[in-house]
């Protein structure tokens, strides 16, 4: 069973930056869609960004121009560079990797944006 482990969360000031990383304990199919989701208190989990095996990216409107998703297939890893952080970005961020037969989730890493 593959496990996804996120890291890089923490406290940031408004306007600051954080870089989230997600590494798989085993091999993720290079064809898997990898994504970051987040869930703020009292809200549903939402898609933040995704990246397919060709490098095609998709972003939520709320993070376009501020966040960048990338992946390293050789390391079965996905990253989220978050710049220009806002208090509304405060949430638990989850890594996801899925293909036609699998759907893996990480345990989440908390991001808090506050002055």
C-alpha atoms as a PDB file:
ATOM      1  CA  UNK A   1       0.000   0.000   0.000  1.00  0.00           C
ATOM      2  CA  UNK A   2       1.425   3.334  -1.051  1.00  0.00           C
ATOM      3  CA  UNK A   3       1.431   6.117   1.514  1.00  0.00           C
ATOM      4  CA  UNK A   4       1.678   9.810   0.742  1.00  0.00           C
ATOM      5  CA  UNK A   5       3.475  11.977   3.270  1.00  0.00           C
ATOM      6  CA  UNK A   6       3.140  15.745   3.186  1.00  0.00           C
ATOM      7  CA  UNK A   7       5.546  18.216   4.719  1.00  0.00           C
ATOM      8  CA  UNK A   8       6.257  21.925   4.677  1.00  0.00           C
ATOM      9  CA  UNK A   9       3.186  23.312   6.364  1.00  0.00           C
ATOM     10  CA  UNK A  10       3.331  25.794   9.190  1.00  0.00           C
ATOM     11  CA  UNK A  11       2.701  29.390  10.084  1.00  0.00           C
ATOM     12  CA  UNK A  12       3.234  32.164   7.572  1.00  0.00           C
ATOM     13  CA  UNK A  13       2.491  35.859   7.581  1.00  0.00           C
ATOM     14  CA  UNK A  14       0.197  37.389   4.977  1.00  0.00           C
ATOM     15  CA  UNK A  15       2.204  37.896   1.817  1.00  0.00           C
ATOM     16  CA  UNK A  16       4.655  35.204   2.802  1.00  0.00           C
ATOM     17  CA  UNK A  17       5.566  31.919   1.149  1.00  0.00           C
ATOM     18  CA  UNK A  18       5.564  28.238   1.954  1.00  0.00           C
ATOM     19  CA  UNK A  19       6.527  25.184  -0.080  1.00  0.00           C
ATOM     20  CA  UNK A  20       4.631  21.966   0.460  1.00  0.00           C
ATOM     21  CA  UNK A  21       6.101  18.629  -0.491  1.00  0.00           C
ATOM     22  CA  UNK A  22       4.468  15.246  -0.865  1.00  0.00           C
ATOM     23  CA  UNK A  23       6.444  12.056  -1.210  1.00  0.00           C
ATOM     24  CA  UNK A  24       5.126   8.574  -1.860  1.00  0.00           C
ATOM     25  CA  UNK A  25       6.420   5.638   0.146  1.00  0.00           C
ATOM     26  CA  UNK A  26       6.186   3.496  -2.942  1.00  0.00           C
ATOM     27  CA  UNK A  27       6.017   4.009  -6.668  1.00  0.00           C
ATOM     28  CA  UNK A  28       3.237   6.124  -8.074  1.00  0.00           C
ATOM     29  CA  UNK A  29       2.342   5.526 -11.679  1.00  0.00           C
ATOM     30  CA  UNK A  30       3.905   8.216 -13.824  1.00  0.00           C
ATOM     31  CA  UNK A  31       0.520   8.494 -15.478  1.00  0.00           C
ATOM     32  CA  UNK A  32      -1.231   9.369 -12.239  1.00  0.00           C
ATOM     33  CA  UNK A  33      -2.903  12.702 -11.786  1.00  0.00           C
ATOM     34  CA  UNK A  34      -1.366  14.378  -8.752  1.00  0.00           C
ATOM     35  CA  UNK A  35      -3.068  17.156  -6.895  1.00  0.00           C
ATOM     36  CA  UNK A  36      -3.300  19.275  -3.797  1.00  0.00           C
ATOM     37  CA  UNK A  37      -6.575  19.780  -1.984  1.00  0.00           C
ATOM     38  CA  UNK A  38      -7.334  21.829   1.092  1.00  0.00           C
ATOM     39  CA  UNK A  39      -9.995  21.936   3.745  1.00  0.00           C
ATOM     40  CA  UNK A  40     -10.584  25.001   5.847  1.00  0.00           C
ATOM     41  CA  UNK A  41     -12.446  24.820   9.161  1.00  0.00           C
ATOM     42  CA  UNK A  42     -16.154  24.405   8.574  1.00  0.00           C
ATOM     43  CA  UNK A  43     -15.744  24.067   4.816  1.00  0.00           C
ATOM     44  CA  UNK A  44     -15.650  21.221   2.337  1.00  0.00           C
ATOM     45  CA  UNK A  45     -12.428  19.929   0.862  1.00  0.00           C
ATOM     46  CA  UNK A  46     -11.603  21.742  -2.357  1.00  0.00           C
ATOM     47  CA  UNK A  47      -9.168  21.254  -5.193  1.00  0.00           C
ATOM     48  CA  UNK A  48      -6.264  23.697  -5.105  1.00  0.00           C
ATOM     49  CA  UNK A  49      -4.166  22.510  -8.030  1.00  0.00           C
ATOM     50  CA  UNK A  50      -3.528  19.426 -10.129  1.00  0.00           C
ATOM     51  CA  UNK A  51      -0.867  18.286 -12.558  1.00  0.00           C
ATOM     52  CA  UNK A  52      -1.067  15.451 -15.060  1.00  0.00           C
ATOM     53  CA  UNK A  53       1.702  13.265 -16.378  1.00  0.00           C
ATOM     54  CA  UNK A  54       2.367  15.606 -19.276  1.00  0.00           C
ATOM     55  CA  UNK A  55       2.812  18.539 -16.914  1.00  0.00           C
ATOM     56  CA  UNK A  56      -0.552  20.093 -17.663  1.00  0.00           C
ATOM     57  CA  UNK A  57      -1.669  22.156 -14.696  1.00  0.00           C
ATOM     58  CA  UNK A  58      -5.007  23.254 -13.347  1.00  0.00           C
ATOM     59  CA  UNK A  59      -5.560  25.776 -10.554  1.00  0.00           C
ATOM     60  CA  UNK A  60      -8.451  26.988  -8.473  1.00  0.00           C
ATOM     61  CA  UNK A  61      -9.293  30.573  -9.367  1.00  0.00           C
ATOM     62  CA  UNK A  62      -8.481  31.659  -5.825  1.00  0.00           C
ATOM     63  CA  UNK A  63      -4.815  30.634  -6.133  1.00  0.00           C
ATOM     64  CA  UNK A  64      -4.020  31.399  -9.782  1.00  0.00           C
ATOM     65  CA  UNK A  65      -0.926  33.515 -10.098  1.00  0.00           C
ATOM     66  CA  UNK A  66       0.160  32.793  -6.532  1.00  0.00           C
ATOM     67  CA  UNK A  67       0.581  29.009  -6.302  1.00  0.00           C
ATOM     68  CA  UNK A  68       2.616  26.709  -8.529  1.00  0.00           C
ATOM     69  CA  UNK A  69       2.305  22.940  -8.621  1.00  0.00           C
ATOM     70  CA  UNK A  70       5.122  20.726  -9.867  1.00  0.00           C
ATOM     71  CA  UNK A  71       6.012  17.049  -9.818  1.00  0.00           C
ATOM     72  CA  UNK A  72       9.012  14.778  -9.979  1.00  0.00           C
ATOM     73  CA  UNK A  73       7.983  11.430 -11.410  1.00  0.00           C
ATOM     74  CA  UNK A  74      11.333   9.839 -10.621  1.00  0.00           C
ATOM     75  CA  UNK A  75      10.743  10.589  -6.949  1.00  0.00           C
ATOM     76  CA  UNK A  76       6.970  10.002  -7.026  1.00  0.00           C
ATOM     77  CA  UNK A  77       6.631  13.456  -5.499  1.00  0.00           C
ATOM     78  CA  UNK A  78       4.520  16.539  -5.960  1.00  0.00           C
ATOM     79  CA  UNK A  79       5.126  20.047  -4.689  1.00  0.00           C
ATOM     80  CA  UNK A  80       3.137  23.210  -4.116  1.00  0.00           C
ATOM     81  CA  UNK A  81       4.921  26.540  -4.027  1.00  0.00           C
ATOM     82  CA  UNK A  82       2.654  29.047  -2.326  1.00  0.00           C
ATOM     83  CA  UNK A  83       3.460  32.736  -2.624  1.00  0.00           C
ATOM     84  CA  UNK A  84       1.472  35.779  -1.657  1.00  0.00           C
ATOM     85  CA  UNK A  85      -0.294  33.856   1.079  1.00  0.00           C
ATOM     86  CA  UNK A  86      -3.566  35.213   2.420  1.00  0.00           C
ATOM     87  CA  UNK A  87      -5.463  34.420   5.618  1.00  0.00           C
ATOM     88  CA  UNK A  88      -8.068  32.677   3.443  1.00  0.00           C
ATOM     89  CA  UNK A  89      -5.389  30.142   2.491  1.00  0.00           C
ATOM     90  CA  UNK A  90      -5.458  28.812   6.042  1.00  0.00           C
ATOM     91  CA  UNK A  91      -6.417  25.144   5.832  1.00  0.00           C
ATOM     92  CA  UNK A  92      -5.199  21.604   6.046  1.00  0.00           C
ATOM     93  CA  UNK A  93      -3.593  20.735   2.720  1.00  0.00           C
ATOM     94  CA  UNK A  94      -3.831  17.199   1.371  1.00  0.00           C
ATOM     95  CA  UNK A  95      -1.832  15.502  -1.325  1.00  0.00           C
ATOM     96  CA  UNK A  96      -3.652  13.191  -3.735  1.00  0.00           C
ATOM     97  CA  UNK A  97      -2.488  10.791  -6.407  1.00  0.00           C
ATOM     98  CA  UNK A  98      -4.897   8.812  -8.517  1.00  0.00           C
ATOM     99  CA  UNK A  99      -5.108   6.848 -11.686  1.00  0.00           C
ATOM    100  CA  UNK A 100      -7.603   4.431 -13.191  1.00  0.00           C
ATOM    101  CA  UNK A 101      -7.232   1.901 -10.389  1.00  0.00           C
ATOM    102  CA  UNK A 102      -5.850   3.742  -7.367  1.00  0.00           C
ATOM    103  CA  UNK A 103      -6.632   6.784  -5.295  1.00  0.00           C
ATOM    104  CA  UNK A 104      -4.189   7.751  -2.552  1.00  0.00           C
ATOM    105  CA  UNK A 105      -4.433  10.517   0.035  1.00  0.00           C
ATOM    106  CA  UNK A 106      -1.920  11.941   2.443  1.00  0.00           C
ATOM    107  CA  UNK A 107      -2.665  12.683   6.072  1.00  0.00           C
ATOM    108  CA  UNK A 108      -2.573  16.428   5.549  1.00  0.00           C
ATOM    109  CA  UNK A 109      -0.334  19.282   6.591  1.00  0.00           C
ATOM    110  CA  UNK A 110      -1.666  22.400   8.281  1.00  0.00           C
ATOM    111  CA  UNK A 111      -1.059  25.839   6.848  1.00  0.00           C
ATOM    112  CA  UNK A 112      -1.901  28.878   8.933  1.00  0.00           C
ATOM    113  CA  UNK A 113      -1.622  32.377   7.517  1.00  0.00           C
ATOM    114  CA  UNK A 114      -1.782  35.004  10.203  1.00  0.00           C
ATOM    115  CA  UNK A 115       0.010  38.098  11.386  1.00  0.00           C
END
